Amino acid sequence: MRLDKLTQGSQEALQYAQEFLARQGYEPSFGARPLKRVMQRYVSQPLANEILKGKFREGDKIKVDLKGEEIIFSRIG
């Protein structure tokens, strides 16, 4: 999953989200291996839940934002 494909919003918000995920997904002893689990926890699962709830539909443009330690998804337009 590529965050730059999800967002049509502020590049600054995207950068903060990417930096947050990189910090969460890096472990000195394992390198970036935990990143996959972090992406699932903070991006894939929450976004899938929002889609299943009907918040987003095919063709929607989704803005990615970071609030505290939570990735927030919102529809643009």
C-alpha atoms as a PDB file:
ATOM      1  CA  MET A   1       0.000   0.000   0.000  1.00  0.00           C
ATOM      2  CA  ARG A   2       1.392   3.383  -0.938  1.00  0.00           C
ATOM      3  CA  LEU A   3       0.295   6.354   1.138  1.00  0.00           C
ATOM      4  CA  ASP A   4       1.028   8.771  -1.685  1.00  0.00           C
ATOM      5  CA  LYS A   5      -1.657   6.975  -3.717  1.00  0.00           C
ATOM      6  CA  LEU A   6      -4.207   7.369  -0.898  1.00  0.00           C
ATOM      7  CA  THR A   7      -3.859  11.054  -0.287  1.00  0.00           C
ATOM      8  CA  GLN A   8      -4.840  13.955  -2.443  1.00  0.00           C
ATOM      9  CA  GLY A   9      -4.449  16.363   0.448  1.00  0.00           C
ATOM     10  CA  SER A  10      -1.562  18.206   1.978  1.00  0.00           C
ATOM     11  CA  GLN A  11       1.886  16.831   1.264  1.00  0.00           C
ATOM     12  CA  GLU A  12       2.853  18.040   4.734  1.00  0.00           C
ATOM     13  CA  ALA A  13       0.194  15.829   6.343  1.00  0.00           C
ATOM     14  CA  LEU A  14       1.381  12.893   4.240  1.00  0.00           C
ATOM     15  CA  GLN A  15       4.981  13.507   5.277  1.00  0.00           C
ATOM     16  CA  TYR A  16       4.034  13.513   8.983  1.00  0.00           C
ATOM     17  CA  ALA A  17       2.119  10.249   8.544  1.00  0.00           C
ATOM     18  CA  GLN A  18       5.031   8.629   6.702  1.00  0.00           C
ATOM     19  CA  GLU A  19       7.526   9.767   9.335  1.00  0.00           C
ATOM     20  CA  PHE A  20       5.265   8.451  12.105  1.00  0.00           C
ATOM     21  CA  LEU A  21       4.966   5.051  10.424  1.00  0.00           C
ATOM     22  CA  ALA A  22       8.718   4.909   9.829  1.00  0.00           C
ATOM     23  CA  ARG A  23       9.393   5.631  13.521  1.00  0.00           C
ATOM     24  CA  GLN A  24       6.860   3.042  14.646  1.00  0.00           C
ATOM     25  CA  GLY A  25       8.109   0.437  12.161  1.00  0.00           C
ATOM     26  CA  TYR A  26      11.830   0.655  12.883  1.00  0.00           C
ATOM     27  CA  GLU A  27      13.456  -1.438  15.558  1.00  0.00           C
ATOM     28  CA  PRO A  28      17.261  -1.211  15.857  1.00  0.00           C
ATOM     29  CA  SER A  29      17.678  -4.957  16.315  1.00  0.00           C
ATOM     30  CA  PHE A  30      15.322  -5.880  13.451  1.00  0.00           C
ATOM     31  CA  GLY A  31      15.705  -2.913  11.097  1.00  0.00           C
ATOM     32  CA  ALA A  32      12.545  -2.153   9.127  1.00  0.00           C
ATOM     33  CA  ARG A  33      11.088  -5.694   9.335  1.00  0.00           C
ATOM     34  CA  PRO A  34       8.343  -4.642  11.807  1.00  0.00           C
ATOM     35  CA  LEU A  35       7.119  -2.047   9.261  1.00  0.00           C
ATOM     36  CA  LYS A  36       4.666  -4.473   7.642  1.00  0.00           C
ATOM     37  CA  ARG A  37       2.860  -5.013  10.959  1.00  0.00           C
ATOM     38  CA  VAL A  38       2.832  -1.268  11.614  1.00  0.00           C
ATOM     39  CA  MET A  39       1.290  -0.617   8.171  1.00  0.00           C
ATOM     40  CA  GLN A  40      -1.371  -3.239   8.871  1.00  0.00           C
ATOM     41  CA  ARG A  41      -2.120  -1.828  12.335  1.00  0.00           C
ATOM     42  CA  TYR A  42      -2.258   1.856  11.423  1.00  0.00           C
ATOM     43  CA  VAL A  43      -3.265   1.873   7.741  1.00  0.00           C
ATOM     44  CA  SER A  44      -4.627  -1.341   6.185  1.00  0.00           C
ATOM     45  CA  GLN A  45      -6.960  -2.491   8.963  1.00  0.00           C
ATOM     46  CA  PRO A  46      -8.388   0.931   9.919  1.00  0.00           C
ATOM     47  CA  LEU A  47      -8.940   1.839   6.260  1.00  0.00           C
ATOM     48  CA  ALA A  48     -10.572  -1.534   5.528  1.00  0.00           C
ATOM     49  CA  ASN A  49     -12.894  -1.023   8.507  1.00  0.00           C
ATOM     50  CA  GLU A  50     -13.901   2.422   7.223  1.00  0.00           C
ATOM     51  CA  ILE A  51     -14.608   0.975   3.765  1.00  0.00           C
ATOM     52  CA  LEU A  52     -16.723  -1.819   5.268  1.00  0.00           C
ATOM     53  CA  LYS A  53     -18.689   0.752   7.287  1.00  0.00           C
ATOM     54  CA  GLY A  54     -19.481   2.557   4.021  1.00  0.00           C
ATOM     55  CA  LYS A  55     -17.468   5.682   4.713  1.00  0.00           C
ATOM     56  CA  PHE A  56     -15.561   5.317   1.424  1.00  0.00           C
ATOM     57  CA  ARG A  57     -16.532   3.944  -1.958  1.00  0.00           C
ATOM     58  CA  GLU A  58     -14.693   3.013  -5.115  1.00  0.00           C
ATOM     59  CA  GLY A  59     -13.283   6.110  -6.780  1.00  0.00           C
ATOM     60  CA  ASP A  60     -13.189   8.224  -3.608  1.00  0.00           C
ATOM     61  CA  LYS A  61     -10.088  10.271  -3.001  1.00  0.00           C
ATOM     62  CA  ILE A  62      -8.848   9.789   0.536  1.00  0.00           C
ATOM     63  CA  LYS A  63      -6.845  12.241   2.592  1.00  0.00           C
ATOM     64  CA  VAL A  64      -4.382  10.794   5.097  1.00  0.00           C
ATOM     65  CA  ASP A  65      -3.670  12.795   8.238  1.00  0.00           C
ATOM     66  CA  LEU A  66      -1.979  12.177  11.561  1.00  0.00           C
ATOM     67  CA  LYS A  67      -3.609  13.150  14.858  1.00  0.00           C
ATOM     68  CA  GLY A  68      -1.508  12.202  17.836  1.00  0.00           C
ATOM     69  CA  GLU A  69      -0.673   8.576  17.239  1.00  0.00           C
ATOM     70  CA  GLU A  70      -3.619   7.820  14.988  1.00  0.00           C
ATOM     71  CA  ILE A  71      -3.823   7.891  11.208  1.00  0.00           C
ATOM     72  CA  ILE A  72      -7.055   9.606  10.171  1.00  0.00           C
ATOM     73  CA  PHE A  73      -8.717   9.016   6.804  1.00  0.00           C
ATOM     74  CA  SER A  74     -11.197  11.438   5.292  1.00  0.00           C
ATOM     75  CA  ARG A  75     -12.850  11.714   1.909  1.00  0.00           C
ATOM     76  CA  ILE A  76     -11.962  14.660  -0.252  1.00  0.00           C
ATOM     77  CA  GLY A  77     -14.721  16.403  -2.143  1.00  0.00           C
END
